[in-house]
Protein backbone atom coordinates (compact mmCIF):
# COMPACT_ATOMS: atom_id res chain seq x y z
CA UNK A 1 159.07 109.16 47.79
CA UNK A 2 159.39 109.94 44.24
CA UNK A 3 162.70 110.93 42.71
CA UNK A 4 162.68 114.13 40.32
CA UNK A 5 164.19 113.31 37.12
CA UNK A 6 167.69 114.69 37.38
CA UNK A 7 169.21 117.02 34.54
CA UNK A 8 172.87 115.79 34.18
CA UNK A 9 175.48 118.26 33.53
CA UNK A 10 174.65 120.05 30.15
CA UNK A 11 177.33 119.49 27.32
CA UNK A 12 177.41 123.32 26.72
CA UNK A 13 181.32 124.20 26.60
CA UNK A 14 182.85 125.66 29.57
CA UNK A 15 184.41 128.72 29.93
CA UNK A 16 187.87 129.75 31.60
CA UNK A 17 187.54 130.04 35.56
CA UNK A 18 188.23 133.83 36.98
CA UNK A 19 191.86 133.46 38.01
CA UNK A 20 192.34 133.62 41.72
CA UNK A 21 194.82 135.84 43.27
CA UNK A 22 198.16 133.97 43.47
CA UNK A 23 200.73 134.06 46.59
CA UNK A 24 204.00 134.47 45.59
CA UNK A 25 206.14 131.76 46.89
CA UNK A 26 208.41 132.57 49.72
CA UNK A 27 210.82 130.62 52.29
CA UNK A 28 208.83 130.48 55.65
CA UNK A 29 210.78 131.65 58.49
CA UNK A 30 212.69 129.16 60.43
CA UNK A 31 209.96 128.15 63.29
CA UNK A 32 206.93 127.85 61.03
CA UNK A 33 207.07 124.22 59.02
CA UNK A 34 208.46 124.81 55.35
CA UNK A 35 205.37 122.85 53.94
CA UNK A 36 201.91 122.47 53.68
CA UNK A 37 202.36 118.63 54.07
CA UNK A 38 204.25 119.05 56.72
CA UNK A 39 201.91 121.80 58.22
CA UNK A 40 198.83 119.57 57.93
CA UNK A 41 200.64 116.38 59.52
CA UNK A 42 201.41 118.63 62.70
CA UNK A 43 197.55 119.79 62.47
CA UNK A 44 196.43 116.30 62.15
CA UNK A 45 198.81 115.14 65.38
CA UNK A 46 197.26 118.07 67.08
CA UNK A 47 193.77 117.26 66.43
CA UNK A 48 194.51 113.82 67.60
CA UNK A 49 196.09 114.99 71.03
CA UNK A 50 193.10 117.17 71.64
CA UNK A 51 190.55 114.27 71.23
CA UNK A 52 192.31 111.79 73.55
CA UNK A 53 193.26 114.15 76.02
CA UNK A 54 190.56 117.14 75.87
CA UNK A 55 192.34 119.85 77.58
CA UNK A 56 190.01 123.14 78.47
CA UNK A 57 190.63 126.44 77.19
CA UNK A 58 191.45 129.26 78.02
CA UNK A 59 194.90 127.90 78.85
CA UNK A 60 197.67 130.25 80.34
CA UNK A 61 200.62 130.21 77.74
CA UNK A 62 202.65 128.12 79.96
CA UNK A 63 200.29 125.05 80.48
CA UNK A 64 200.12 125.43 76.53
CA UNK A 65 203.56 125.04 76.02
CA UNK A 66 203.46 121.99 78.30
CA UNK A 67 201.25 120.26 75.76
CA UNK A 68 203.13 121.58 72.93
CA UNK A 69 206.04 119.78 74.06
CA UNK A 70 204.19 116.34 74.19
CA UNK A 71 203.47 116.79 70.57
CA UNK A 72 206.79 117.99 69.15
CA UNK A 73 208.24 114.94 71.33
CA UNK A 74 205.62 112.56 69.96
CA UNK A 75 206.00 113.74 66.31
CA UNK A 76 209.92 113.47 66.81
CA UNK A 77 210.00 117.12 64.91
CA UNK A 78 212.46 119.97 65.35
CA UNK A 79 211.76 121.79 68.52
CA UNK A 80 211.39 125.14 67.29
CA UNK A 81 207.96 124.74 66.29
CA UNK A 82 206.78 124.40 69.60
CA UNK A 83 205.26 127.72 69.53
CA UNK A 84 203.73 127.20 66.24
CA UNK A 85 202.07 124.03 67.78
CA UNK A 86 201.02 125.67 70.49
CA UNK A 87 198.85 128.04 68.09
CA UNK A 88 197.38 125.34 66.67
CA UNK A 89 196.31 123.87 70.08
CA UNK A 90 195.02 126.80 70.96
CA UNK A 91 192.99 126.78 68.08
CA UNK A 92 191.81 123.29 68.32
CA UNK A 93 190.70 123.90 71.91
CA UNK A 94 188.76 126.58 70.71
CA UNK A 95 187.02 125.39 67.74
CA UNK A 96 183.84 123.62 68.69
CA UNK A 97 183.15 127.15 71.18
CA UNK A 98 183.88 128.95 68.16
CA UNK A 99 181.34 126.98 65.63
CA UNK A 100 178.33 127.69 68.10
CA UNK A 101 179.16 131.43 67.62
CA UNK A 102 176.78 132.91 65.10
CA UNK A 103 179.12 134.52 62.08
CA UNK A 104 177.29 138.00 62.81
CA UNK A 105 178.83 137.60 66.24
CA UNK A 106 182.15 137.04 64.95
CA UNK A 107 185.48 139.32 63.67
CA UNK A 108 187.68 138.65 61.06
CA UNK A 109 191.02 140.18 61.46
CA UNK A 110 193.06 140.30 58.54
CA UNK A 111 196.81 141.55 58.65
CA UNK A 112 197.63 144.09 55.66
CA UNK A 113 200.87 142.36 54.97
CA UNK A 114 199.07 140.20 52.78
CA UNK A 115 198.58 142.67 50.07
CA UNK A 116 200.81 142.95 46.94
CA UNK A 117 202.73 146.13 48.52
CA UNK A 118 204.11 147.64 45.96
CA UNK A 119 200.80 147.26 43.77
CA UNK A 120 198.17 147.76 46.17
CA UNK A 121 196.06 151.03 45.70
CA UNK A 122 193.89 150.92 48.91
CA UNK A 123 194.54 153.88 51.49
CA UNK A 124 194.49 153.39 55.29
CA UNK A 125 192.29 155.30 57.69
CA UNK A 126 192.15 155.05 61.72
CA UNK A 127 190.55 151.54 61.09
CA UNK A 128 193.09 149.87 58.79
CA UNK A 129 193.22 149.19 55.32
CA UNK A 130 190.16 150.24 52.77
CA UNK A 131 190.45 147.85 50.41
CA UNK A 132 189.96 148.89 46.93
CA UNK A 133 188.97 145.18 45.17
CA UNK A 134 191.55 144.95 42.82
CA UNK A 135 192.11 141.16 42.69
CA UNK A 136 195.84 141.46 43.70
CA UNK A 137 195.64 139.43 46.97
CA UNK A 138 193.60 137.49 48.76
CA UNK A 139 191.80 140.24 51.32
CA UNK A 140 189.36 141.05 48.94
CA UNK A 141 187.89 137.37 48.30
CA UNK A 142 188.09 136.77 51.88
CA UNK A 143 186.61 139.97 53.35
CA UNK A 144 183.50 139.73 50.18
CA UNK A 145 183.03 136.25 51.49
CA UNK A 146 183.13 136.87 55.45
CA UNK A 147 181.03 140.34 55.12
CA UNK A 148 178.56 138.15 52.84
CA UNK A 149 178.31 135.82 55.80
CA UNK A 150 177.65 138.64 58.63
CA UNK A 151 181.08 139.31 60.06
CA UNK A 152 182.48 142.36 60.53
CA UNK A 153 186.15 142.41 59.33
CA UNK A 154 189.22 144.63 59.85
CA UNK A 155 192.55 144.89 57.55
CA UNK A 156 194.71 145.73 60.46
CA UNK A 157 197.43 145.14 63.11
CA UNK A 158 196.02 143.96 66.71
CA UNK A 159 194.74 147.42 68.37
CA UNK A 160 192.88 149.02 70.63
CA UNK A 161 189.84 148.98 67.94
CA UNK A 162 189.94 145.37 69.10
CA UNK A 163 189.38 145.44 72.28
CA UNK A 164 186.50 148.44 71.85
CA UNK A 165 184.70 146.15 69.87
CA UNK A 166 185.11 143.03 72.59
CA UNK A 167 184.18 145.33 75.05
CA UNK A 168 180.85 146.32 73.17
CA UNK A 169 179.45 142.58 73.84
CA UNK A 170 178.82 142.76 69.97
CA UNK A 171 181.70 140.26 69.31
CA UNK A 172 181.82 136.63 71.05
CA UNK A 173 184.62 135.21 68.57
CA UNK A 174 187.80 136.08 66.57
CA UNK A 175 189.24 134.72 63.68
CA UNK A 176 192.47 135.80 62.45
CA UNK A 177 195.81 135.90 60.55
CA UNK A 178 198.87 137.34 62.41
CA UNK A 179 202.86 136.23 62.67
CA UNK A 180 204.01 133.93 65.52
CA UNK A 181 205.59 136.78 67.14
CA UNK A 182 202.35 138.70 67.57
CA UNK A 183 200.35 135.58 68.76
CA UNK A 184 202.42 134.99 71.34
CA UNK A 185 201.87 138.40 72.82
CA UNK A 186 198.36 137.91 72.54
CA UNK A 187 197.85 134.69 74.40
CA UNK A 188 197.22 136.47 77.41
CA UNK A 189 194.59 138.80 76.59
CA UNK A 190 192.99 135.64 74.96
CA UNK A 191 193.42 133.95 78.35
CA UNK A 192 191.59 136.90 80.15
CA UNK A 193 189.03 137.67 77.70
CA UNK A 194 187.99 134.26 77.44
CA UNK A 195 186.64 134.73 74.25
CA UNK A 196 186.62 131.76 71.35
CA UNK A 197 189.58 132.58 69.05
CA UNK A 198 191.17 130.85 66.35
CA UNK A 199 194.64 131.92 64.57
CA UNK A 200 196.22 130.95 61.63
CA UNK A 201 200.02 131.85 61.75
CA UNK A 202 201.51 133.92 58.77
CA UNK A 203 204.33 131.94 57.44
CA UNK A 204 206.56 134.86 57.45
CA UNK A 205 206.91 137.75 59.70
CA UNK A 206 208.77 140.36 58.00
CA UNK A 207 205.38 142.76 57.25
CA UNK A 208 205.41 142.51 53.74
CA UNK A 209 204.33 140.19 50.77
CA UNK A 210 203.35 137.58 53.58
CA UNK A 211 201.97 134.25 52.82
CA UNK A 212 199.45 132.46 55.05
CA UNK A 213 197.81 128.59 54.80
CA UNK A 214 194.22 130.08 52.72
CA UNK A 215 192.66 126.67 52.66
CA UNK A 216 192.71 126.81 56.66
CA UNK A 217 191.61 130.81 56.63
CA UNK A 218 188.74 129.41 54.34
CA UNK A 219 187.81 127.02 56.69
CA UNK A 220 187.59 128.72 59.72
CA UNK A 221 185.33 131.42 58.36
CA UNK A 222 182.98 128.93 57.20
CA UNK A 223 183.03 126.67 60.52
CA UNK A 224 179.42 126.15 61.75
CA UNK A 225 178.15 124.28 64.10
CA UNK A 226 174.97 123.57 61.53
CA UNK A 227 177.83 121.37 60.11
CA UNK A 228 177.07 118.16 61.26
CA UNK A 229 179.91 116.65 59.21
CA UNK A 230 182.35 119.47 60.81
CA UNK A 231 184.02 116.63 63.18
CA UNK A 232 183.83 114.05 60.59
CA UNK A 233 187.68 112.39 59.85
CA UNK A 234 187.85 112.44 56.28
CA UNK A 235 191.14 110.25 56.42
CA UNK A 236 189.08 107.71 58.65
CA UNK A 237 186.16 107.41 56.60
CA UNK A 238 188.57 106.98 53.18
CA UNK A 239 190.38 103.98 55.09
CA UNK A 240 186.96 102.55 55.73
CA UNK A 241 186.04 103.13 51.91
CA UNK A 242 189.49 101.27 51.04
CA UNK A 243 188.96 98.30 53.30
CA UNK A 244 185.74 97.75 51.25
CA UNK A 245 188.20 96.53 48.46
CA UNK A 246 189.99 94.11 50.50
CA UNK A 247 189.33 90.40 49.18
CA UNK A 248 187.18 89.51 51.78
CA UNK A 249 185.03 92.67 51.71
CA UNK A 250 184.77 92.12 47.92
CA UNK A 251 183.53 88.71 48.48
CA UNK A 252 180.92 89.89 50.57
CA UNK A 253 179.69 92.90 48.53
CA UNK A 254 179.66 90.99 44.95
CA UNK A 255 179.57 87.65 45.97
CA UNK A 256 182.39 84.57 45.39
CA UNK A 257 184.44 85.12 41.86
CA UNK A 258 183.16 82.57 39.48
CA UNK A 259 185.86 81.77 37.14
CA UNK A 260 189.39 83.41 36.16
CA UNK A 261 187.62 86.44 34.52
CA UNK A 262 185.92 87.66 37.48
CA UNK A 263 189.11 86.98 39.40
CA UNK A 264 190.77 89.16 37.22
CA UNK A 265 188.60 91.65 37.75
CA UNK A 266 188.72 91.44 41.63
CA UNK A 267 192.16 92.18 41.20
CA UNK A 268 191.93 95.24 39.21
CA UNK A 269 189.46 96.23 41.38
CA UNK A 270 191.91 95.84 44.31
CA UNK A 271 194.96 97.38 42.48
CA UNK A 272 196.32 101.09 43.19
CA UNK A 273 194.01 104.06 43.16
CA UNK A 274 192.98 106.61 45.77
CA UNK A 275 189.27 105.49 45.46
CA UNK A 276 188.16 109.36 45.52
CA UNK A 277 184.96 108.31 43.42
CA UNK A 278 183.40 105.71 46.20
CA UNK A 279 184.79 108.18 48.98
CA UNK A 280 182.54 110.89 47.36
CA UNK A 281 179.13 108.81 47.53
CA UNK A 282 180.02 107.68 50.62
CA UNK A 283 180.55 110.95 51.81
CA UNK A 284 177.68 112.63 50.14
CA UNK A 285 175.49 109.92 51.34
CA UNK A 286 176.62 110.85 55.37
CA UNK A 287 176.41 114.56 54.79
CA UNK A 288 172.95 114.61 53.78
CA UNK A 289 171.71 111.27 55.97
CA UNK A 290 173.38 112.51 59.21
CA UNK A 291 174.11 109.01 59.81
CA UNK A 292 177.05 107.94 61.86
CA UNK A 293 179.88 105.96 60.73
CA UNK A 294 178.65 103.19 62.58
CA UNK A 295 175.10 103.89 61.26
CA UNK A 296 175.92 103.58 57.42
CA UNK A 297 173.74 100.77 55.55
CA UNK A 298 175.61 97.52 54.56
CA UNK A 299 174.14 98.45 50.98
CA UNK A 300 175.81 101.58 50.64
CA UNK A 301 178.73 99.57 49.97
CA UNK A 302 177.28 98.23 47.01
CA UNK A 303 176.61 101.84 45.63
CA UNK A 304 180.15 102.83 46.08
CA UNK A 305 181.56 99.73 44.90
CA UNK A 306 179.50 100.21 41.70
CA UNK A 307 181.09 103.76 41.21
CA UNK A 308 184.65 102.49 41.40
CA UNK A 309 183.49 99.26 39.16
CA UNK A 310 182.56 102.27 36.06
CA UNK A 311 185.60 103.87 36.68
CA UNK A 312 188.20 100.99 37.29
CA UNK A 313 186.16 99.50 33.72
CA UNK A 314 187.10 103.20 32.06
CA UNK A 315 190.71 103.05 32.96
CA UNK A 316 190.78 99.55 31.23
CA UNK A 317 189.78 100.34 28.23
CA UNK A 318 191.52 104.39 28.23
CA UNK A 319 194.98 102.30 28.34
CA UNK A 320 193.83 100.38 25.52
CA UNK A 321 192.81 103.49 23.40
CA UNK A 322 195.98 105.44 24.61
CA UNK A 323 198.52 102.45 24.30
CA UNK A 324 199.94 102.76 28.07
CA UNK A 325 202.10 100.18 29.05
CA UNK A 326 201.85 101.48 32.94
CA UNK A 327 199.29 102.08 35.24
CA UNK A 328 199.65 102.52 39.35
CA UNK A 329 203.15 101.47 38.68
CA UNK A 330 202.52 98.25 36.98
CA UNK A 331 201.80 96.79 33.54
CA UNK A 332 198.18 97.85 32.45
CA UNK A 333 195.79 94.98 32.47
CA UNK A 334 195.78 94.86 28.23
CA UNK A 335 199.67 94.54 28.84
CA UNK A 336 199.60 91.32 31.38
CA UNK A 337 196.72 89.48 29.95
CA UNK A 338 196.34 91.49 26.45
CA UNK A 339 193.74 93.66 24.59
CA UNK A 340 191.16 90.71 23.91
CA UNK A 341 190.74 89.72 27.71
CA UNK A 342 190.91 93.27 29.03
CA UNK A 343 188.77 94.52 27.12
CA UNK A 344 186.35 91.84 28.23
CA UNK A 345 187.20 92.46 31.91
CA UNK A 346 186.41 96.00 31.42
CA UNK A 347 183.06 95.24 30.13
CA UNK A 348 182.33 92.83 32.91
CA UNK A 349 183.25 95.48 35.49
CA UNK A 350 180.40 97.91 33.57
CA UNK A 351 177.88 95.27 33.95
CA UNK A 352 179.11 94.51 37.64
CA UNK A 353 178.43 98.19 38.51
CA UNK A 354 174.82 98.20 37.31
CA UNK A 355 174.14 95.07 39.12
CA UNK A 356 175.11 96.54 42.27
CA UNK A 357 172.87 99.38 42.07
CA UNK A 358 169.76 97.24 40.55
CA UNK A 359 170.63 95.18 43.98
CA UNK A 360 170.78 97.60 46.38
CA UNK A 361 167.72 98.49 49.11
CA UNK A 362 166.15 101.47 47.79
CA UNK A 363 162.95 102.57 46.53
CA UNK A 364 162.04 101.16 42.94
CA UNK A 365 161.29 105.07 41.83
CA UNK A 366 165.65 105.68 43.45
CA UNK A 367 166.78 102.40 42.36
CA UNK A 368 165.65 103.67 38.63
CA UNK A 369 167.34 107.11 39.00
CA UNK A 370 170.83 105.36 40.55
CA UNK A 371 171.07 103.44 37.19
CA UNK A 372 170.03 106.64 34.92
CA UNK A 373 172.30 108.99 36.40
CA UNK A 374 175.14 106.18 36.24
CA UNK A 375 174.30 105.55 32.75
CA UNK A 376 174.33 109.58 31.88
CA UNK A 377 177.36 109.52 33.22
CA UNK A 378 178.83 106.78 31.24
CA UNK A 379 177.96 108.56 28.05
CA UNK A 380 179.13 111.87 28.60
CA UNK A 381 182.22 110.26 29.74
CA UNK A 382 182.59 108.82 25.90
CA UNK A 383 181.72 111.63 24.62
CA UNK A 384 184.53 112.91 26.01
CA UNK A 385 187.25 110.24 25.28
CA UNK A 386 186.00 109.90 21.81
CA UNK A 387 186.82 113.68 20.93
CA UNK A 388 190.17 113.00 21.98
CA UNK A 389 190.25 109.94 20.22
CA UNK A 390 188.87 111.42 16.59
CA UNK A 391 191.25 114.50 17.51
CA UNK A 392 194.07 112.01 17.50
CA UNK A 393 193.20 110.77 13.90
CA UNK A 394 193.10 113.77 12.65
CA UNK A 395 195.45 115.97 14.95
CA UNK A 396 195.81 119.77 14.93
CA UNK A 397 196.39 122.24 17.23
CA UNK A 398 193.57 123.07 20.34
CA UNK A 399 193.46 125.71 22.38
CA UNK A 400 193.68 125.98 26.12
CA UNK A 401 189.55 126.17 26.24
CA UNK A 402 189.26 123.28 23.83
CA UNK A 403 191.79 121.22 26.05
CA UNK A 404 189.80 122.11 28.92
CA UNK A 405 186.67 120.83 27.44
CA UNK A 406 187.65 117.57 26.76
CA UNK A 407 188.98 117.53 30.33
CA UNK A 408 185.56 118.18 31.33
CA UNK A 409 183.69 115.62 29.55
CA UNK A 410 186.38 112.92 30.18
CA UNK A 411 186.65 113.32 34.15
CA UNK A 412 183.91 115.40 35.24
CA UNK A 413 181.47 113.07 34.99
CA UNK A 414 182.80 110.32 37.19
CA UNK A 415 183.12 113.02 39.95
CA UNK A 416 179.30 114.02 39.19
CA UNK A 417 177.91 110.43 39.08
CA UNK A 418 179.92 109.55 42.34
CA UNK A 419 177.86 112.50 44.27
CA UNK A 420 174.69 112.05 42.52
CA UNK A 421 174.53 108.69 43.38
CA UNK A 422 175.48 109.28 47.36
CA UNK A 423 172.71 111.89 47.39
CA UNK A 424 170.01 109.70 45.68
CA UNK A 425 170.84 106.99 48.18
CA UNK A 426 170.33 109.44 51.00
CA UNK A 427 166.94 110.52 49.68
CA UNK A 428 167.62 114.51 49.58
CA UNK A 429 169.30 114.86 45.95
CA UNK A 430 166.74 117.56 45.26
CA UNK A 431 167.95 119.75 47.49
CA UNK A 432 171.79 119.83 46.33
CA UNK A 433 170.92 118.55 42.32
CA UNK A 434 171.79 121.94 40.76
CA UNK A 435 175.14 122.41 42.73
CA UNK A 436 176.34 119.02 42.56
CA UNK A 437 176.81 119.40 38.36
CA UNK A 438 178.71 122.84 38.90
CA UNK A 439 180.94 121.78 41.73
CA UNK A 440 181.87 118.56 39.78
CA UNK A 441 182.46 120.41 36.56
CA UNK A 442 185.08 122.45 38.09
CA UNK A 443 186.58 119.71 40.45
CA UNK A 444 187.02 117.46 37.77
CA UNK A 445 188.61 119.85 35.29
CA UNK A 446 191.30 120.86 38.70
CA UNK A 447 191.48 117.06 39.02
CA UNK A 448 192.55 116.79 35.12
CA UNK A 449 194.74 119.67 35.39
CA UNK A 450 196.79 118.22 38.31
CA UNK A 451 197.22 114.75 36.56
CA UNK A 452 198.30 116.89 33.38
CA UNK A 453 201.07 118.96 35.46
CA UNK A 454 202.23 115.50 36.85
CA UNK A 455 202.22 113.63 33.40
CA UNK A 456 203.92 116.28 31.70
CA UNK A 457 207.26 114.74 30.39
CA UNK A 458 210.16 111.94 31.41
CA UNK A 459 209.34 112.42 35.12
CA UNK A 460 205.57 111.66 34.72
CA UNK A 461 204.04 108.36 35.42
CA UNK A 462 202.69 108.46 31.97
CA UNK A 463 204.52 110.51 29.67
CA UNK A 464 201.97 112.86 27.79
CA UNK A 465 204.13 114.46 25.66
CA UNK A 466 205.61 110.97 24.23
CA UNK A 467 202.15 109.82 24.16
CA UNK A 468 201.08 112.98 22.14
CA UNK A 469 197.80 113.76 23.97
CA UNK A 470 195.84 116.58 24.33
CA UNK A 471 197.64 118.68 27.23
CA UNK A 472 196.78 121.82 29.12
CA UNK A 473 200.15 122.50 29.63
CA UNK A 474 201.31 122.45 26.03
CA UNK A 475 197.90 124.13 24.61
CA UNK A 476 199.23 127.40 26.78
CA UNK A 477 202.90 126.60 25.81
CA UNK A 478 201.84 127.03 21.93
CA UNK A 479 199.70 129.96 22.52
CA UNK A 480 202.62 131.64 24.35
CA UNK A 481 205.42 130.83 21.79
CA UNK A 482 206.42 132.58 18.66
CA UNK A 483 208.37 132.07 15.80
CA UNK A 484 210.73 128.70 15.74
CA UNK A 485 209.10 127.86 19.06
CA UNK A 486 206.03 128.05 18.03
CA UNK A 487 206.43 125.87 14.97
CA UNK A 488 207.96 123.18 16.99
CA UNK A 489 204.92 122.92 18.86
CA UNK A 490 202.65 123.09 16.15
CA UNK A 491 204.68 120.30 14.70
CA UNK A 492 203.94 118.66 17.91
CA UNK A 493 200.28 118.99 18.23
CA UNK A 494 200.08 117.75 14.35
CA UNK A 495 202.11 114.32 15.34
CA UNK A 496 204.83 115.43 12.63
CA UNK A 497 208.00 113.19 13.51
CA UNK A 498 208.52 112.33 17.28
CA UNK A 499 208.80 114.62 19.95
CA UNK A 500 211.70 114.70 22.28
CA UNK A 501 210.27 114.91 25.99
CA UNK A 502 213.04 116.59 27.63
CA UNK A 503 213.69 119.18 25.35
CA UNK A 504 209.70 120.19 25.03
CA UNK A 505 209.14 119.91 28.87
CA UNK A 506 212.43 122.66 29.01
CA UNK A 507 210.34 124.53 26.47
CA UNK A 508 207.07 124.42 28.51
CA UNK A 509 208.83 125.53 31.72
CA UNK A 510 210.25 128.18 30.00
CA UNK A 511 207.35 129.89 28.56
CA UNK A 512 206.25 129.23 32.08
CA UNK A 513 202.89 127.27 30.82
CA UNK A 514 203.70 124.72 33.95
CA UNK A 515 203.18 128.30 36.34
CA UNK A 516 200.02 129.57 34.25
CA UNK A 517 198.03 125.73 34.52
CA UNK A 518 199.23 125.42 38.46
CA UNK A 519 197.55 128.97 38.36
CA UNK A 520 194.00 127.46 36.50
CA UNK A 521 194.37 124.41 38.89
CA UNK A 522 193.92 126.84 41.87
CA UNK A 523 190.99 128.60 40.34
CA UNK A 524 189.09 125.81 39.23
CA UNK A 525 189.58 124.74 42.94
CA UNK A 526 188.25 127.88 44.16
CA UNK A 527 185.52 127.76 41.41
CA UNK A 528 184.30 124.48 42.90
CA UNK A 529 184.22 126.22 46.08
CA UNK A 530 182.24 129.27 45.11
CA UNK A 531 179.50 127.23 43.49
CA UNK A 532 178.39 125.86 47.02
CA UNK A 533 177.62 129.46 47.67
CA UNK A 534 173.56 128.63 46.99
CA UNK A 535 173.57 125.15 48.70
CA UNK A 536 171.47 125.58 51.44
CA UNK A 537 172.35 122.24 53.27
CA UNK A 538 175.07 123.40 55.78
CA UNK A 539 176.71 119.85 56.30
CA UNK A 540 176.93 118.80 52.80
CA UNK A 541 178.44 122.52 51.79
CA UNK A 542 181.18 122.16 54.31
CA UNK A 543 181.93 118.61 53.75
CA UNK A 544 182.34 119.32 49.71
CA UNK A 545 184.49 122.05 50.47
CA UNK A 546 186.79 120.14 52.54
CA UNK A 547 186.78 117.53 50.46
CA UNK A 548 188.83 119.80 47.93
CA UNK A 549 191.41 120.35 50.42
CA UNK A 550 191.27 116.49 51.14
CA UNK A 551 191.77 115.40 47.27
CA UNK A 552 194.57 118.13 46.41
CA UNK A 553 196.45 117.82 49.73
CA UNK A 554 196.47 113.80 50.53
CA UNK A 555 200.22 113.18 50.01
CA UNK A 556 202.30 111.12 51.86
CA UNK A 557 205.31 112.76 54.23
CA UNK A 558 208.78 111.02 53.63
CA UNK A 559 211.62 111.59 55.26
CA UNK A 560 210.41 114.36 57.67
CA UNK A 561 209.62 113.71 61.12
CA UNK A 562 211.98 111.22 62.96
CA UNK A 563 209.14 109.01 64.03
CA UNK A 564 208.05 108.84 60.26
CA UNK A 565 211.52 108.20 59.14
CA UNK A 566 211.58 105.59 61.39
CA UNK A 567 208.01 103.68 60.51
CA UNK A 568 209.60 103.82 56.75
CA UNK A 569 212.66 101.78 57.68
CA UNK A 570 210.79 99.38 59.88
CA UNK A 571 207.06 98.71 57.55
CA UNK A 572 205.98 99.08 53.80
CA UNK A 573 204.42 103.03 53.06
CA UNK A 574 201.53 101.16 52.61
CA UNK A 575 201.05 100.49 55.99
CA UNK A 576 201.87 104.19 57.23
CA UNK A 577 199.94 105.96 54.30
CA UNK A 578 197.25 106.63 57.06
CA UNK A 579 199.20 108.24 59.36
CA UNK A 580 201.31 110.12 57.05
CA UNK A 581 198.64 111.45 54.63
CA UNK A 582 197.75 115.11 55.09
CA UNK A 583 195.33 115.99 57.50
CA UNK A 584 191.81 117.12 56.07
CA UNK A 585 191.80 120.86 55.41
CA UNK A 586 189.17 121.59 58.08
CA UNK A 587 191.32 124.19 60.31
CA UNK A 588 192.01 127.53 59.32
CA UNK A 589 192.52 130.99 59.42
CA UNK A 590 192.71 132.72 62.88
CA UNK A 591 194.57 135.20 64.20
CA UNK A 592 191.51 135.63 66.93
CA UNK A 593 194.40 135.68 69.20
CA UNK A 594 196.32 138.47 67.16
CA UNK A 595 193.10 140.29 67.44
CA UNK A 596 192.54 139.99 71.53
CA UNK A 597 196.47 140.41 71.96
CA UNK A 598 198.31 143.03 69.99
CA UNK A 599 196.33 145.59 71.46
């Protein structure tokens, strides 16, 4: 097999994304878990329960509540969440049947209360809301995507028309959004009709400007049996990849360490970090090859570890260049061993990465492409870091777009290399080459914006204000400021005097630069997902869509349910991380029940 030469992401400057509609935050109703982290934790528990016990739908409401009570007891959570858990149970039971129904035989039912009521220009007729596509709410995007796939779409409350559609025989499954009170009334109808239906509960039930977990809705809309990774447990896969960086595993993959320098390099590879990049390599390979977890080739570990070698080397060099003293809550390598030793270890890791790629069992032409892609990615990354370093020699004001361009060059190449190496090793790169570039660009920028927000000031692990690094939040704040406030930020950008981190951070929040950055973060995440539209490989498309949710929602729960509190008290957080991390965002919308029910 001959590999087609790869065109790496072009260097042309990027533009800002189309801004996605934002849901105005509102507290949830008391019988809905108040945070997305908690809701995803429950979803993860529900999935484990259904996988273990395999309840068969349709279940009468009383039986559903019995199962829900078991999960409530297992989680040690507030019994008030029982109805919410019951809806998720019903969804999970129907999930595989829904995946088998063609898109054109499905109905998407959305409630009109998702709109911004005070500003919505859309009229109503007997079929419901006639969306004017004004872009103020999520109804427009959900409707357009569902219709593109072939769905019938209604923006209306559950009504007789839904039952009429079902009775025609043209609708064989329903994905919907509704409040818990409507869903509870819907269950008898769902049980009677035995039509696969999934329902994403609204977070409020006051019928005006309501919120919903949009990621869940998007995932259910796209659920298809053609995606062979839909059952893949991303949390378990990530744990598997993480295990490859244990001492014994690294010795098997890299060979025994020879000398103290190699030992320092191994310890740095094992230290901290989320290891998203090797995870992406393995995910891409698994989606494109169709291999099960147990069938992953041993040599894939070399490719994945090579990706992490390149990344960890870049962190060593970045920390030296930025004069950072802390990484992963510990001393940076140059603080611990000195600059000279740290530089040498970084260089060693780069060599180790290329050695692993050269040693993997792949055809010669594929192996050559693996090495070329890695070198192109490193070249692009260094250009981004170089742009920032050269700016620091002659600092001046940067616009938000200029900062985003630095982010693209610094962060996106590592994601792109990770995905391309997985696709190349699977022998299926030609099917997804263009999409990987666009997806990685948007994903990398979103990832860097999140870091920007978490490192804004004194509360961050790295204080970007004190370090006087290019920051999107600071660029937006400067753009919005006027008078003395703008002059203050201009002096900060030009590095004139020592900044007061607390004052600057407060100013950024006053100017709502953090909110604007959050909006851009969500928009780049959405752009990453939109880039998958042209991808024809259903498994890779489904997996990359879920990866966005996994990366950005993967947080630990602390001090919420009784079981978790007990574990935290008894063991280290590291030991419970796997059970406490957010579940993959594979679940989504579903007022199917609402559809069948409120009639």
